[in-house]
C-alpha atoms as a PDB file:
ATOM      1  CA  MET A   1     -10.087   9.214   3.963  1.00  0.00           C
ATOM      2  CA  ASP A   2     -12.784   9.590   1.379  1.00  0.00           C
ATOM      3  CA  HIS A   3     -14.049   7.038  -1.116  1.00  0.00           C
ATOM      4  CA  GLU A   4     -11.880   8.414  -3.940  1.00  0.00           C
ATOM      5  CA  GLN A   5      -8.664   8.176  -1.900  1.00  0.00           C
ATOM      6  CA  VAL A   6      -9.486   4.650  -0.764  1.00  0.00           C
ATOM      7  CA  ALA A   7     -10.431   3.542  -4.276  1.00  0.00           C
ATOM      8  CA  ALA A   8      -7.192   4.991  -5.706  1.00  0.00           C
ATOM      9  CA  SER A   9      -5.066   3.255  -3.058  1.00  0.00           C
ATOM     10  CA  LEU A  10      -6.824  -0.067  -3.514  1.00  0.00           C
ATOM     11  CA  ALA A  11      -6.524   0.239  -7.300  1.00  0.00           C
ATOM     12  CA  GLU A  12      -2.756   0.641  -6.986  1.00  0.00           C
ATOM     13  CA  LEU A  13      -2.534  -2.339  -4.641  1.00  0.00           C
ATOM     14  CA  GLY A  14      -4.667  -4.305  -7.090  1.00  0.00           C
ATOM     15  CA  ASN A  15      -1.639  -4.775  -9.340  1.00  0.00           C
ATOM     16  CA  VAL A  16       0.391  -7.872  -8.489  1.00  0.00           C
ATOM     17  CA  HIS A  17       3.756  -6.096  -8.817  1.00  0.00           C
ATOM     18  CA  ARG A  18       2.740  -3.111  -6.701  1.00  0.00           C
ATOM     19  CA  LEU A  19       1.221  -5.387  -4.087  1.00  0.00           C
ATOM     20  CA  SER A  20       4.483  -7.370  -3.956  1.00  0.00           C
ATOM     21  CA  VAL A  21       6.513  -4.167  -3.627  1.00  0.00           C
ATOM     22  CA  PHE A  22       4.261  -2.804  -0.894  1.00  0.00           C
ATOM     23  CA  ARG A  23       4.391  -6.055   1.089  1.00  0.00           C
ATOM     24  CA  PHE A  24       8.181  -6.121   0.697  1.00  0.00           C
ATOM     25  CA  LEU A  25       8.400  -2.562   2.047  1.00  0.00           C
ATOM     26  CA  VAL A  26       6.074  -3.278   4.964  1.00  0.00           C
ATOM     27  CA  LYS A  27       8.251  -6.279   5.796  1.00  0.00           C
ATOM     28  CA  ALA A  28      11.347  -4.042   5.604  1.00  0.00           C
ATOM     29  CA  GLY A  29       9.902  -1.811   8.318  1.00  0.00           C
ATOM     30  CA  HIS A  30       9.978   1.891   9.040  1.00  0.00           C
ATOM     31  CA  ALA A  31      13.433   2.345   7.495  1.00  0.00           C
ATOM     32  CA  GLY A  32      12.142   1.142   4.129  1.00  0.00           C
ATOM     33  CA  ALA A  33      14.410  -0.240   1.433  1.00  0.00           C
ATOM     34  CA  PRO A  34      16.561   1.148  -1.373  1.00  0.00           C
ATOM     35  CA  VAL A  35      15.150   0.797  -4.882  1.00  0.00           C
ATOM     36  CA  GLY A  36      18.048  -1.472  -5.877  1.00  0.00           C
ATOM     37  CA  GLU A  37      17.270  -3.851  -3.033  1.00  0.00           C
ATOM     38  CA  ILE A  38      13.607  -3.999  -4.027  1.00  0.00           C
ATOM     39  CA  GLN A  39      14.569  -4.651  -7.635  1.00  0.00           C
ATOM     40  CA  LYS A  40      16.998  -7.403  -6.708  1.00  0.00           C
ATOM     41  CA  ALA A  41      14.613  -9.118  -4.292  1.00  0.00           C
ATOM     42  CA  LEU A  42      11.569  -9.027  -6.569  1.00  0.00           C
ATOM     43  CA  GLY A  43      13.221  -9.251  -9.991  1.00  0.00           C
ATOM     44  CA  ILE A  44      11.285  -6.330 -11.457  1.00  0.00           C
ATOM     45  CA  PRO A  45      13.081  -4.436 -14.262  1.00  0.00           C
ATOM     46  CA  ALA A  46      14.283  -0.964 -13.214  1.00  0.00           C
ATOM     47  CA  SER A  47      12.038   1.022 -15.555  1.00  0.00           C
ATOM     48  CA  THR A  48       8.983  -1.011 -14.592  1.00  0.00           C
ATOM     49  CA  LEU A  49       9.770  -0.721 -10.886  1.00  0.00           C
ATOM     50  CA  SER A  50      10.197   3.036 -11.209  1.00  0.00           C
ATOM     51  CA  HIS A  51       6.737   3.265 -12.775  1.00  0.00           C
ATOM     52  CA  HIS A  52       5.154   1.192  -9.990  1.00  0.00           C
ATOM     53  CA  LEU A  53       6.886   3.175  -7.243  1.00  0.00           C
ATOM     54  CA  ALA A  54       5.762   6.475  -8.744  1.00  0.00           C
ATOM     55  CA  ARG A  55       2.153   5.298  -8.835  1.00  0.00           C
ATOM     56  CA  MET A  56       2.281   4.138  -5.225  1.00  0.00           C
ATOM     57  CA  ALA A  57       3.879   7.402  -4.114  1.00  0.00           C
ATOM     58  CA  ARG A  58       1.230   9.416  -5.993  1.00  0.00           C
ATOM     59  CA  VAL A  59      -1.585   7.914  -3.873  1.00  0.00           C
ATOM     60  CA  GLY A  60       0.392   8.123  -0.616  1.00  0.00           C
ATOM     61  CA  LEU A  61       1.146   4.439  -0.026  1.00  0.00           C
ATOM     62  CA  ILE A  62       4.901   5.100   0.059  1.00  0.00           C
ATOM     63  CA  ARG A  63       7.314   7.997   0.118  1.00  0.00           C
ATOM     64  CA  GLN A  64      10.702   8.159  -1.519  1.00  0.00           C
ATOM     65  CA  GLU A  65      13.731   9.782   0.087  1.00  0.00           C
ATOM     66  CA  LYS A  66      17.124  10.377  -1.419  1.00  0.00           C
ATOM     67  CA  HIS A  67      19.866   8.996   0.824  1.00  0.00           C
ATOM     68  CA  SER A  68      23.266   9.808  -0.573  1.00  0.00           C
ATOM     69  CA  ARG A  69      23.209   8.285  -4.069  1.00  0.00           C
ATOM     70  CA  SER A  70      20.285   5.935  -3.585  1.00  0.00           C
ATOM     71  CA  ILE A  71      16.542   6.341  -3.294  1.00  0.00           C
ATOM     72  CA  VAL A  72      14.892   4.684  -0.311  1.00  0.00           C
ATOM     73  CA  CYS A  73      11.216   3.778  -0.433  1.00  0.00           C
ATOM     74  CA  ILE A  74       9.354   3.893   2.851  1.00  0.00           C
ATOM     75  CA  PRO A  75       5.842   2.567   3.442  1.00  0.00           C
ATOM     76  CA  GLU A  76       3.393   5.139   4.769  1.00  0.00           C
ATOM     77  CA  TYR A  77       2.032   3.247   7.751  1.00  0.00           C
ATOM     78  CA  GLU A  78      -0.384   6.030   8.679  1.00  0.00           C
ATOM     79  CA  HIS A  79      -1.927   5.803   5.214  1.00  0.00           C
ATOM     80  CA  LEU A  80      -2.167   2.033   5.577  1.00  0.00           C
ATOM     81  CA  ASP A  81      -3.781   2.393   9.010  1.00  0.00           C
ATOM     82  CA  ASN A  82      -6.270   4.912   7.612  1.00  0.00           C
ATOM     83  CA  LEU A  83      -7.058   2.614   4.692  1.00  0.00           C
ATOM     84  CA  ILE A  84      -7.685  -0.349   6.987  1.00  0.00           C
ATOM     85  CA  GLY A  85      -9.700   1.840   9.345  1.00  0.00           C
ATOM     86  CA  PHE A  86     -11.875   3.017   6.471  1.00  0.00           C
ATOM     87  CA  LEU A  87     -12.539  -0.566   5.410  1.00  0.00           C
ATOM     88  CA  GLN A  88     -13.384  -1.608   8.976  1.00  0.00           C
ATOM     89  CA  ASP A  89     -15.437   1.464   9.816  1.00  0.00           C
ATOM     90  CA  GLN A  90     -18.963   0.529  10.809  1.00  0.00           C
ATOM     91  CA  CYS A  91     -18.075  -3.161  10.809  1.00  0.00           C
ATOM     92  CA  CYS A  92     -21.022  -5.354  11.765  1.00  0.00           C
ATOM     93  CA  MET A  93     -23.310  -2.382  12.456  1.00  0.00           C
ATOM     94  CA  GLY A  94     -25.993  -3.805  10.158  1.00  0.00           C
ATOM     95  CA  MET A  95     -26.101  -7.193  11.835  1.00  0.00           C
ATOM     96  CA  ASP A  96     -28.980  -8.335  13.975  1.00  0.00           C
ATOM     97  CA  ASP A  97     -28.482 -10.111  17.302  1.00  0.00           C
ATOM     98  CA  GLY A  98     -28.062 -13.452  15.549  1.00  0.00           C
ATOM     99  CA  GLY A  99     -24.960 -12.288  13.706  1.00  0.00           C
ATOM    100  CA  ASP A 100     -26.501 -12.927  10.284  1.00  0.00           C
ATOM    101  CA  SER A 101     -26.765  -9.865   8.046  1.00  0.00           C
ATOM    102  CA  ARG A 102     -28.360 -11.667   5.092  1.00  0.00           C
ATOM    103  CA  PRO A 103     -31.736 -10.313   3.973  1.00  0.00           C
ATOM    104  CA  ARG A 104     -34.719 -12.399   4.999  1.00  0.00           C
END
């Protein structure tokens, strides 16, 4: 991932509703959850939820699949893993032996 992709993903998760939706979907697992179930559980109006889901799908945090007459939202775990990996990359590399990275 590059800085722009990471920044876009973090910006989308920086909204309280989108963060709640994403956490709900991660909790739901690899099968995801239908939009109606998300709406019912989180109490987000349909039009607002649709907007949030579209934004999260645009940056690759989730994907949406049509199953019969409903739309199921599925968290993109690989994207999440890449995002976390990017944030942890080079962790503690600037620390001295004492474990304190503050300037002296």
